[in-house]
Amino acid sequence: MNKVHYNVSGLLNEKMKTQVKNVLNKVEGVSSIDVDLVRGTIEVGYNETTDTKEITDGIERVGCKIEE
């Protein structure tokens, strides 16, 4: 399993945390999602068949901005 870690802005509350999890659960191959509201981080576990662009697109679609 691969893991990717994102620092994000705009992760404001439990509602957004739930939205992020719901979107990422629909991405094929995603096996774990850890959203930390206090730190503003999202960690995603996925397999080799997963397109990481789908992960980043999903995070941004709910209103979060991935920080470089």
PDB file of N, CA and C in Angstrom:
ATOM      1  N   MET A   1       0.848  -1.188   0.000  1.00  0.00           N
ATOM      2  CA  MET A   1       0.000   0.000   0.000  1.00  0.00           C
ATOM      3  C   MET A   1       0.887   1.243   0.000  1.00  0.00           C
ATOM      4  N   ASN A   2       0.506   2.214  -0.802  1.00  0.00           N
ATOM      5  CA  ASN A   2       1.175   3.508  -0.852  1.00  0.00           C
ATOM      6  C   ASN A   2       0.425   4.481   0.048  1.00  0.00           C
ATOM      7  N   LYS A   3       1.149   5.491   0.522  1.00  0.00           N
ATOM      8  CA  LYS A   3       0.506   6.548   1.316  1.00  0.00           C
ATOM      9  C   LYS A   3       0.949   7.891   0.783  1.00  0.00           C
ATOM     10  N   VAL A   4       0.030   8.847   0.836  1.00  0.00           N
ATOM     11  CA  VAL A   4       0.346  10.215   0.439  1.00  0.00           C
ATOM     12  C   VAL A   4      -0.202  11.139   1.522  1.00  0.00           C
ATOM     13  N   HIS A   5       0.555  12.191   1.792  1.00  0.00           N
ATOM     14  CA  HIS A   5       0.218  13.133   2.866  1.00  0.00           C
ATOM     15  C   HIS A   5       0.055  14.525   2.261  1.00  0.00           C
ATOM     16  N   TYR A   6      -1.051  15.177   2.585  1.00  0.00           N
ATOM     17  CA  TYR A   6      -1.312  16.522   2.073  1.00  0.00           C
ATOM     18  C   TYR A   6      -1.506  17.484   3.230  1.00  0.00           C
ATOM     19  N   ASN A   7      -0.899  18.660   3.127  1.00  0.00           N
ATOM     20  CA  ASN A   7      -1.234  19.790   3.997  1.00  0.00           C
ATOM     21  C   ASN A   7      -2.261  20.600   3.221  1.00  0.00           C
ATOM     22  N   VAL A   8      -3.380  20.889   3.877  1.00  0.00           N
ATOM     23  CA  VAL A   8      -4.453  21.584   3.171  1.00  0.00           C
ATOM     24  C   VAL A   8      -4.945  22.782   3.975  1.00  0.00           C
ATOM     25  N   SER A   9      -5.469  23.754   3.260  1.00  0.00           N
ATOM     26  CA  SER A   9      -6.155  24.869   3.906  1.00  0.00           C
ATOM     27  C   SER A   9      -7.628  24.758   3.538  1.00  0.00           C
ATOM     28  N   GLY A  10      -8.465  25.318   4.390  1.00  0.00           N
ATOM     29  CA  GLY A  10      -9.892  25.276   4.119  1.00  0.00           C
ATOM     30  C   GLY A  10     -10.613  24.105   4.760  1.00  0.00           C
ATOM     31  N   LEU A  11      -9.888  23.311   5.528  1.00  0.00           N
ATOM     32  CA  LEU A  11     -10.484  22.171   6.221  1.00  0.00           C
ATOM     33  C   LEU A  11     -11.024  22.690   7.554  1.00  0.00           C
ATOM     34  N   LEU A  12     -12.270  23.170   7.543  1.00  0.00           N
ATOM     35  CA  LEU A  12     -12.764  24.004   8.631  1.00  0.00           C
ATOM     36  C   LEU A  12     -13.506  23.286   9.748  1.00  0.00           C
ATOM     37  N   ASN A  13     -14.218  22.205   9.430  1.00  0.00           N
ATOM     38  CA  ASN A  13     -15.089  21.619  10.437  1.00  0.00           C
ATOM     39  C   ASN A  13     -15.376  20.146  10.139  1.00  0.00           C
ATOM     40  N   GLU A  14     -16.159  19.534  11.021  1.00  0.00           N
ATOM     41  CA  GLU A  14     -16.500  18.113  10.874  1.00  0.00           C
ATOM     42  C   GLU A  14     -17.266  17.840   9.577  1.00  0.00           C
ATOM     43  N   LYS A  15     -18.085  18.789   9.160  1.00  0.00           N
ATOM     44  CA  LYS A  15     -18.856  18.608   7.921  1.00  0.00           C
ATOM     45  C   LYS A  15     -17.903  18.449   6.730  1.00  0.00           C
ATOM     46  N   MET A  16     -16.880  19.315   6.673  1.00  0.00           N
ATOM     47  CA  MET A  16     -15.917  19.216   5.568  1.00  0.00           C
ATOM     48  C   MET A  16     -15.107  17.932   5.674  1.00  0.00           C
ATOM     49  N   LYS A  17     -14.769  17.531   6.896  1.00  0.00           N
ATOM     50  CA  LYS A  17     -14.037  16.278   7.111  1.00  0.00           C
ATOM     51  C   LYS A  17     -14.840  15.111   6.546  1.00  0.00           C
ATOM     52  N   THR A  18     -16.132  15.102   6.819  1.00  0.00           N
ATOM     53  CA  THR A  18     -17.005  14.043   6.308  1.00  0.00           C
ATOM     54  C   THR A  18     -17.090  14.092   4.790  1.00  0.00           C
ATOM     55  N   GLN A  19     -17.188  15.290   4.229  1.00  0.00           N
ATOM     56  CA  GLN A  19     -17.265  15.431   2.769  1.00  0.00           C
ATOM     57  C   GLN A  19     -15.991  14.897   2.110  1.00  0.00           C
ATOM     58  N   VAL A  20     -14.833  15.226   2.681  1.00  0.00           N
ATOM     59  CA  VAL A  20     -13.563  14.737   2.131  1.00  0.00           C
ATOM     60  C   VAL A  20     -13.540  13.212   2.163  1.00  0.00           C
ATOM     61  N   LYS A  21     -13.911  12.637   3.295  1.00  0.00           N
ATOM     62  CA  LYS A  21     -13.909  11.170   3.416  1.00  0.00           C
ATOM     63  C   LYS A  21     -14.876  10.533   2.418  1.00  0.00           C
ATOM     64  N   ASN A  22     -16.066  11.120   2.262  1.00  0.00           N
ATOM     65  CA  ASN A  22     -17.051  10.566   1.334  1.00  0.00           C
ATOM     66  C   ASN A  22     -16.536  10.586  -0.106  1.00  0.00           C
ATOM     67  N   VAL A  23     -15.909  11.702  -0.506  1.00  0.00           N
ATOM     68  CA  VAL A  23     -15.386  11.820  -1.868  1.00  0.00           C
ATOM     69  C   VAL A  23     -14.247  10.820  -2.087  1.00  0.00           C
ATOM     70  N   LEU A  24     -13.331  10.736  -1.131  1.00  0.00           N
ATOM     71  CA  LEU A  24     -12.168   9.859  -1.313  1.00  0.00           C
ATOM     72  C   LEU A  24     -12.531   8.377  -1.234  1.00  0.00           C
ATOM     73  N   ASN A  25     -13.591   8.051  -0.494  1.00  0.00           N
ATOM     74  CA  ASN A  25     -14.044   6.653  -0.441  1.00  0.00           C
ATOM     75  C   ASN A  25     -14.540   6.171  -1.803  1.00  0.00           C
ATOM     76  N   LYS A  26     -14.909   7.097  -2.683  1.00  0.00           N
ATOM     77  CA  LYS A  26     -15.398   6.733  -4.014  1.00  0.00           C
ATOM     78  C   LYS A  26     -14.271   6.541  -5.024  1.00  0.00           C
ATOM     79  N   VAL A  27     -13.038   6.933  -4.647  1.00  0.00           N
ATOM     80  CA  VAL A  27     -11.900   6.780  -5.553  1.00  0.00           C
ATOM     81  C   VAL A  27     -11.428   5.330  -5.500  1.00  0.00           C
ATOM     82  N   GLU A  28     -11.356   4.714  -6.667  1.00  0.00           N
ATOM     83  CA  GLU A  28     -10.975   3.302  -6.749  1.00  0.00           C
ATOM     84  C   GLU A  28      -9.571   3.084  -6.188  1.00  0.00           C
ATOM     85  N   GLY A  29      -9.452   2.114  -5.278  1.00  0.00           N
ATOM     86  CA  GLY A  29      -8.158   1.742  -4.728  1.00  0.00           C
ATOM     87  C   GLY A  29      -7.786   2.428  -3.430  1.00  0.00           C
ATOM     88  N   VAL A  30      -8.556   3.431  -2.997  1.00  0.00           N
ATOM     89  CA  VAL A  30      -8.264   4.091  -1.728  1.00  0.00           C
ATOM     90  C   VAL A  30      -8.680   3.153  -0.594  1.00  0.00           C
ATOM     91  N   SER A  31      -7.747   2.901   0.336  1.00  0.00           N
ATOM     92  CA  SER A  31      -8.030   1.956   1.406  1.00  0.00           C
ATOM     93  C   SER A  31      -8.073   2.588   2.790  1.00  0.00           C
ATOM     94  N   SER A  32      -7.460   3.762   2.963  1.00  0.00           N
ATOM     95  CA  SER A  32      -7.528   4.431   4.261  1.00  0.00           C
ATOM     96  C   SER A  32      -7.484   5.941   4.071  1.00  0.00           C
ATOM     97  N   ILE A  33      -8.193   6.634   4.958  1.00  0.00           N
ATOM     98  CA  ILE A  33      -8.255   8.096   4.908  1.00  0.00           C
ATOM     99  C   ILE A  33      -8.170   8.601   6.341  1.00  0.00           C
ATOM    100  N   ASP A  34      -7.191   9.465   6.609  1.00  0.00           N
ATOM    101  CA  ASP A  34      -7.057  10.067   7.929  1.00  0.00           C
ATOM    102  C   ASP A  34      -7.059  11.582   7.759  1.00  0.00           C
ATOM    103  N   VAL A  35      -8.101  12.219   8.284  1.00  0.00           N
ATOM    104  CA  VAL A  35      -8.239  13.670   8.181  1.00  0.00           C
ATOM    105  C   VAL A  35      -8.024  14.264   9.567  1.00  0.00           C
ATOM    106  N   ASP A  36      -7.057  15.169   9.692  1.00  0.00           N
ATOM    107  CA  ASP A  36      -6.753  15.827  10.957  1.00  0.00           C
ATOM    108  C   ASP A  36      -7.112  17.307  10.839  1.00  0.00           C
ATOM    109  N   LEU A  37      -8.231  17.685  11.474  1.00  0.00           N
ATOM    110  CA  LEU A  37      -8.705  19.062  11.391  1.00  0.00           C
ATOM    111  C   LEU A  37      -7.745  20.035  12.067  1.00  0.00           C
ATOM    112  N   VAL A  38      -7.165  19.639  13.202  1.00  0.00           N
ATOM    113  CA  VAL A  38      -6.292  20.527  13.959  1.00  0.00           C
ATOM    114  C   VAL A  38      -5.031  20.873  13.158  1.00  0.00           C
ATOM    115  N   ARG A  39      -4.420  19.880  12.560  1.00  0.00           N
ATOM    116  CA  ARG A  39      -3.196  20.102  11.789  1.00  0.00           C
ATOM    117  C   ARG A  39      -3.474  20.545  10.353  1.00  0.00           C
ATOM    118  N   GLY A  40      -4.686  20.319   9.869  1.00  0.00           N
ATOM    119  CA  GLY A  40      -5.010  20.645   8.481  1.00  0.00           C
ATOM    120  C   GLY A  40      -4.315  19.691   7.524  1.00  0.00           C
ATOM    121  N   THR A  41      -4.373  18.394   7.859  1.00  0.00           N
ATOM    122  CA  THR A  41      -3.709  17.392   7.021  1.00  0.00           C
ATOM    123  C   THR A  41      -4.671  16.277   6.635  1.00  0.00           C
ATOM    124  N   ILE A  42      -4.355  15.673   5.500  1.00  0.00           N
ATOM    125  CA  ILE A  42      -5.087  14.502   5.029  1.00  0.00           C
ATOM    126  C   ILE A  42      -4.052  13.480   4.601  1.00  0.00           C
ATOM    127  N   GLU A  43      -4.185  12.249   5.115  1.00  0.00           N
ATOM    128  CA  GLU A  43      -3.303  11.159   4.705  1.00  0.00           C
ATOM    129  C   GLU A  43      -4.166  10.075   4.066  1.00  0.00           C
ATOM    130  N   VAL A  44      -3.757   9.643   2.890  1.00  0.00           N
ATOM    131  CA  VAL A  44      -4.548   8.676   2.130  1.00  0.00           C
ATOM    132  C   VAL A  44      -3.691   7.459   1.811  1.00  0.00           C
ATOM    133  N   GLY A  45      -4.220   6.285   2.122  1.00  0.00           N
ATOM    134  CA  GLY A  45      -3.579   5.035   1.733  1.00  0.00           C
ATOM    135  C   GLY A  45      -4.268   4.508   0.495  1.00  0.00           C
ATOM    136  N   TYR A  46      -3.477   4.052  -0.475  1.00  0.00           N
ATOM    137  CA  TYR A  46      -4.058   3.610  -1.739  1.00  0.00           C
ATOM    138  C   TYR A  46      -3.172   2.535  -2.370  1.00  0.00           C
ATOM    139  N   ASN A  47      -3.723   1.838  -3.373  1.00  0.00           N
ATOM    140  CA  ASN A  47      -2.930   0.819  -4.063  1.00  0.00           C
ATOM    141  C   ASN A  47      -2.420   1.341  -5.397  1.00  0.00           C
ATOM    142  N   GLU A  48      -1.675   0.510  -6.099  1.00  0.00           N
ATOM    143  CA  GLU A  48      -0.999   0.925  -7.332  1.00  0.00           C
ATOM    144  C   GLU A  48      -1.949   1.331  -8.459  1.00  0.00           C
ATOM    145  N   THR A  49      -3.187   0.867  -8.419  1.00  0.00           N
ATOM    146  CA  THR A  49      -4.116   1.177  -9.500  1.00  0.00           C
ATOM    147  C   THR A  49      -4.759   2.552  -9.348  1.00  0.00           C
ATOM    148  N   THR A  50      -4.536   3.194  -8.216  1.00  0.00           N
ATOM    149  CA  THR A  50      -5.171   4.483  -7.942  1.00  0.00           C
ATOM    150  C   THR A  50      -4.466   5.610  -8.672  1.00  0.00           C
ATOM    151  N   ASP A  51      -5.265   6.489  -9.274  1.00  0.00           N
ATOM    152  CA  ASP A  51      -4.748   7.696  -9.907  1.00  0.00           C
ATOM    153  C   ASP A  51      -4.722   8.794  -8.838  1.00  0.00           C
ATOM    154  N   THR A  52      -3.526   9.243  -8.449  1.00  0.00           N
ATOM    155  CA  THR A  52      -3.429  10.238  -7.374  1.00  0.00           C
ATOM    156  C   THR A  52      -4.071  11.567  -7.768  1.00  0.00           C
ATOM    157  N   LYS A  53      -4.218  11.826  -9.051  1.00  0.00           N
ATOM    158  CA  LYS A  53      -4.909  13.049  -9.477  1.00  0.00           C
ATOM    159  C   LYS A  53      -6.374  13.005  -9.046  1.00  0.00           C
ATOM    160  N   GLU A  54      -6.969  11.821  -9.032  1.00  0.00           N
ATOM    161  CA  GLU A  54      -8.351  11.697  -8.556  1.00  0.00           C
ATOM    162  C   GLU A  54      -8.439  12.056  -7.079  1.00  0.00           C
ATOM    163  N   ILE A  55      -7.399  11.715  -6.319  1.00  0.00           N
ATOM    164  CA  ILE A  55      -7.378  12.050  -4.893  1.00  0.00           C
ATOM    165  C   ILE A  55      -7.307  13.568  -4.724  1.00  0.00           C
ATOM    166  N   THR A  56      -6.363  14.210  -5.402  1.00  0.00           N
ATOM    167  CA  THR A  56      -6.216  15.663  -5.254  1.00  0.00           C
ATOM    168  C   THR A  56      -7.447  16.400  -5.787  1.00  0.00           C
ATOM    169  N   ASP A  57      -7.995  15.935  -6.898  1.00  0.00           N
ATOM    170  CA  ASP A  57      -9.212  16.559  -7.442  1.00  0.00           C
ATOM    171  C   ASP A  57     -10.363  16.465  -6.447  1.00  0.00           C
ATOM    172  N   GLY A  58     -10.491  15.316  -5.808  1.00  0.00           N
ATOM    173  CA  GLY A  58     -11.561  15.120  -4.827  1.00  0.00           C
ATOM    174  C   GLY A  58     -11.429  16.049  -3.639  1.00  0.00           C
ATOM    175  N   ILE A  59     -10.202  16.199  -3.140  1.00  0.00           N
ATOM    176  CA  ILE A  59      -9.950  17.089  -2.004  1.00  0.00           C
ATOM    177  C   ILE A  59     -10.306  18.524  -2.382  1.00  0.00           C
ATOM    178  N   GLU A  60      -9.904  18.938  -3.554  1.00  0.00           N
ATOM    179  CA  GLU A  60     -10.166  20.320  -3.984  1.00  0.00           C
ATOM    180  C   GLU A  60     -11.639  20.548  -4.321  1.00  0.00           C
ATOM    181  N   ARG A  61     -12.324  19.502  -4.756  1.00  0.00           N
ATOM    182  CA  ARG A  61     -13.741  19.631  -5.127  1.00  0.00           C
ATOM    183  C   ARG A  61     -14.614  19.992  -3.916  1.00  0.00           C
ATOM    184  N   VAL A  62     -14.207  19.586  -2.712  1.00  0.00           N
ATOM    185  CA  VAL A  62     -15.013  19.916  -1.531  1.00  0.00           C
ATOM    186  C   VAL A  62     -14.638  21.271  -0.929  1.00  0.00           C
ATOM    187  N   GLY A  63     -13.673  21.962  -1.539  1.00  0.00           N
ATOM    188  CA  GLY A  63     -13.358  23.317  -1.107  1.00  0.00           C
ATOM    189  C   GLY A  63     -12.044  23.490  -0.374  1.00  0.00           C
ATOM    190  N   CYS A  64     -11.250  22.445  -0.291  1.00  0.00           N
ATOM    191  CA  CYS A  64      -9.935  22.548   0.347  1.00  0.00           C
ATOM    192  C   CYS A  64      -8.898  22.891  -0.717  1.00  0.00           C
ATOM    193  N   LYS A  65      -7.836  23.532  -0.278  1.00  0.00           N
ATOM    194  CA  LYS A  65      -6.739  23.865  -1.177  1.00  0.00           C
ATOM    195  C   LYS A  65      -5.488  23.144  -0.691  1.00  0.00           C
ATOM    196  N   ILE A  66      -4.877  22.360  -1.565  1.00  0.00           N
ATOM    197  CA  ILE A  66      -3.660  21.635  -1.221  1.00  0.00           C
ATOM    198  C   ILE A  66      -2.494  22.606  -1.256  1.00  0.00           C
ATOM    199  N   GLU A  67      -1.739  22.636  -0.159  1.00  0.00           N
ATOM    200  CA  GLU A  67      -0.590  23.535  -0.061  1.00  0.00           C
ATOM    201  C   GLU A  67       0.653  22.809  -0.544  1.00  0.00           C
ATOM    202  N   GLU A  68       1.501  23.524  -1.233  1.00  0.00           N
ATOM    203  CA  GLU A  68       2.735  22.937  -1.769  1.00  0.00           C
ATOM    204  C   GLU A  68       3.784  22.838  -0.705  1.00  0.00           C
TER     205      GLU A  68
END
